[in-house]
């Protein structure tokens, strides 16, 4: 009885988070990634778009709808230098 309830809960969580493997033992965490097209020539514009995928997935190399070559764009983030309120010794800018 309990295992059936756990499986139903796991399936529900998977559907909500966008993970489609109800029997997975890991919790899928979805993130929104920015990708951009890789132009074939200097005249082609670069197109940016967002794709929601699991953090466990590899970066895509082709647009899922068109097959056009793409790359993931790193757009910032947070860097921890070891805790506390002062920068770590030797830590600096660029």
C-alpha atoms as a PDB file:
ATOM      1  CA  UNK A   1       0.000   0.000   0.000  1.00  0.00           C
ATOM      2  CA  UNK A   2       2.730   2.476   0.983  1.00  0.00           C
ATOM      3  CA  UNK A   3       4.853   1.641  -2.067  1.00  0.00           C
ATOM      4  CA  UNK A   4       1.906   2.329  -4.374  1.00  0.00           C
ATOM      5  CA  UNK A   5       1.395   5.700  -2.697  1.00  0.00           C
ATOM      6  CA  UNK A   6       5.093   6.515  -3.043  1.00  0.00           C
ATOM      7  CA  UNK A   7       5.003   5.634  -6.752  1.00  0.00           C
ATOM      8  CA  UNK A   8       1.929   7.816  -7.321  1.00  0.00           C
ATOM      9  CA  UNK A   9       3.602  10.703  -5.476  1.00  0.00           C
ATOM     10  CA  UNK A  10       6.818  10.237  -7.462  1.00  0.00           C
ATOM     11  CA  UNK A  11       4.837  10.294 -10.729  1.00  0.00           C
ATOM     12  CA  UNK A  12       3.005  13.458  -9.651  1.00  0.00           C
ATOM     13  CA  UNK A  13       6.248  15.221  -8.667  1.00  0.00           C
ATOM     14  CA  UNK A  14       7.787  14.139 -11.960  1.00  0.00           C
ATOM     15  CA  UNK A  15       4.872  15.570 -13.921  1.00  0.00           C
ATOM     16  CA  UNK A  16       4.972  18.863 -12.021  1.00  0.00           C
ATOM     17  CA  UNK A  17       8.728  19.294 -12.406  1.00  0.00           C
ATOM     18  CA  UNK A  18       8.775  18.131 -15.997  1.00  0.00           C
ATOM     19  CA  UNK A  19      10.488  14.815 -15.334  1.00  0.00           C
ATOM     20  CA  UNK A  20       8.831  12.029 -17.221  1.00  0.00           C
ATOM     21  CA  UNK A  21      10.503   9.052 -15.584  1.00  0.00           C
ATOM     22  CA  UNK A  22       8.085   8.158 -12.804  1.00  0.00           C
ATOM     23  CA  UNK A  23      10.228   5.223 -11.684  1.00  0.00           C
ATOM     24  CA  UNK A  24      13.376   7.333 -11.275  1.00  0.00           C
ATOM     25  CA  UNK A  25      14.883   7.216  -7.825  1.00  0.00           C
ATOM     26  CA  UNK A  26      16.342  10.718  -8.208  1.00  0.00           C
ATOM     27  CA  UNK A  27      14.405  13.940  -7.968  1.00  0.00           C
ATOM     28  CA  UNK A  28      14.646  15.858 -11.230  1.00  0.00           C
ATOM     29  CA  UNK A  29      15.179  19.576 -10.812  1.00  0.00           C
ATOM     30  CA  UNK A  30      14.327  21.630 -13.850  1.00  0.00           C
ATOM     31  CA  UNK A  31      16.121  24.809 -14.828  1.00  0.00           C
ATOM     32  CA  UNK A  32      15.645  27.292 -17.631  1.00  0.00           C
ATOM     33  CA  UNK A  33      18.743  27.599 -19.793  1.00  0.00           C
ATOM     34  CA  UNK A  34      19.542  30.250 -22.386  1.00  0.00           C
ATOM     35  CA  UNK A  35      20.728  28.946 -25.743  1.00  0.00           C
ATOM     36  CA  UNK A  36      21.739  30.729 -28.917  1.00  0.00           C
ATOM     37  CA  UNK A  37      21.991  29.680 -32.528  1.00  0.00           C
ATOM     38  CA  UNK A  38      25.412  29.265 -34.089  1.00  0.00           C
ATOM     39  CA  UNK A  39      25.330  31.222 -37.342  1.00  0.00           C
ATOM     40  CA  UNK A  40      26.697  29.562 -40.455  1.00  0.00           C
ATOM     41  CA  UNK A  41      27.878  32.918 -41.839  1.00  0.00           C
ATOM     42  CA  UNK A  42      28.479  36.471 -40.626  1.00  0.00           C
ATOM     43  CA  UNK A  43      25.221  37.537 -42.314  1.00  0.00           C
ATOM     44  CA  UNK A  44      23.068  35.191 -40.215  1.00  0.00           C
ATOM     45  CA  UNK A  45      21.634  36.671 -37.031  1.00  0.00           C
ATOM     46  CA  UNK A  46      22.203  35.004 -33.676  1.00  0.00           C
ATOM     47  CA  UNK A  47      18.904  34.005 -32.091  1.00  0.00           C
ATOM     48  CA  UNK A  48      18.598  33.545 -28.319  1.00  0.00           C
ATOM     49  CA  UNK A  49      15.903  31.475 -26.658  1.00  0.00           C
ATOM     50  CA  UNK A  50      15.195  29.613 -23.441  1.00  0.00           C
ATOM     51  CA  UNK A  51      14.741  25.875 -22.940  1.00  0.00           C
ATOM     52  CA  UNK A  52      13.595  24.223 -19.728  1.00  0.00           C
ATOM     53  CA  UNK A  53      15.429  20.982 -19.012  1.00  0.00           C
ATOM     54  CA  UNK A  54      16.682  18.882 -16.139  1.00  0.00           C
ATOM     55  CA  UNK A  55      19.904  19.912 -14.444  1.00  0.00           C
ATOM     56  CA  UNK A  56      21.029  16.324 -14.971  1.00  0.00           C
ATOM     57  CA  UNK A  57      20.771  16.629 -18.790  1.00  0.00           C
ATOM     58  CA  UNK A  58      23.727  17.451 -21.013  1.00  0.00           C
ATOM     59  CA  UNK A  59      23.696  20.765 -22.866  1.00  0.00           C
ATOM     60  CA  UNK A  60      21.910  20.602 -26.208  1.00  0.00           C
ATOM     61  CA  UNK A  61      23.883  21.025 -29.421  1.00  0.00           C
ATOM     62  CA  UNK A  62      20.935  21.231 -31.834  1.00  0.00           C
ATOM     63  CA  UNK A  63      17.615  23.074 -31.643  1.00  0.00           C
ATOM     64  CA  UNK A  64      14.948  20.517 -30.674  1.00  0.00           C
ATOM     65  CA  UNK A  65      12.500  21.762 -33.362  1.00  0.00           C
ATOM     66  CA  UNK A  66      14.723  22.774 -36.269  1.00  0.00           C
ATOM     67  CA  UNK A  67      17.984  20.874 -35.764  1.00  0.00           C
ATOM     68  CA  UNK A  68      19.954  24.121 -36.134  1.00  0.00           C
ATOM     69  CA  UNK A  69      23.305  24.070 -34.264  1.00  0.00           C
ATOM     70  CA  UNK A  70      23.063  25.810 -30.863  1.00  0.00           C
ATOM     71  CA  UNK A  71      25.145  26.387 -27.752  1.00  0.00           C
ATOM     72  CA  UNK A  72      24.289  27.054 -24.122  1.00  0.00           C
ATOM     73  CA  UNK A  73      24.946  30.617 -22.960  1.00  0.00           C
ATOM     74  CA  UNK A  74      26.336  31.227 -19.472  1.00  0.00           C
ATOM     75  CA  UNK A  75      24.480  34.257 -18.129  1.00  0.00           C
ATOM     76  CA  UNK A  76      25.832  35.004 -14.667  1.00  0.00           C
ATOM     77  CA  UNK A  77      25.454  33.296 -11.374  1.00  0.00           C
ATOM     78  CA  UNK A  78      26.758  33.353  -7.848  1.00  0.00           C
ATOM     79  CA  UNK A  79      30.262  32.526  -6.696  1.00  0.00           C
ATOM     80  CA  UNK A  80      30.916  31.657  -3.082  1.00  0.00           C
ATOM     81  CA  UNK A  81      34.460  32.233  -1.862  1.00  0.00           C
ATOM     82  CA  UNK A  82      34.184  30.143   1.269  1.00  0.00           C
ATOM     83  CA  UNK A  83      31.630  31.721   3.573  1.00  0.00           C
ATOM     84  CA  UNK A  84      31.822  34.566   6.014  1.00  0.00           C
ATOM     85  CA  UNK A  85      31.349  38.226   5.296  1.00  0.00           C
ATOM     86  CA  UNK A  86      34.794  39.072   3.930  1.00  0.00           C
ATOM     87  CA  UNK A  87      36.359  37.852   0.684  1.00  0.00           C
ATOM     88  CA  UNK A  88      38.623  34.827   0.929  1.00  0.00           C
ATOM     89  CA  UNK A  89      42.340  35.503   1.091  1.00  0.00           C
ATOM     90  CA  UNK A  90      43.769  35.875  -2.392  1.00  0.00           C
ATOM     91  CA  UNK A  91      40.328  36.154  -3.963  1.00  0.00           C
ATOM     92  CA  UNK A  92      40.038  38.924  -6.446  1.00  0.00           C
ATOM     93  CA  UNK A  93      38.500  40.135  -9.622  1.00  0.00           C
ATOM     94  CA  UNK A  94      39.586  39.448 -13.150  1.00  0.00           C
END
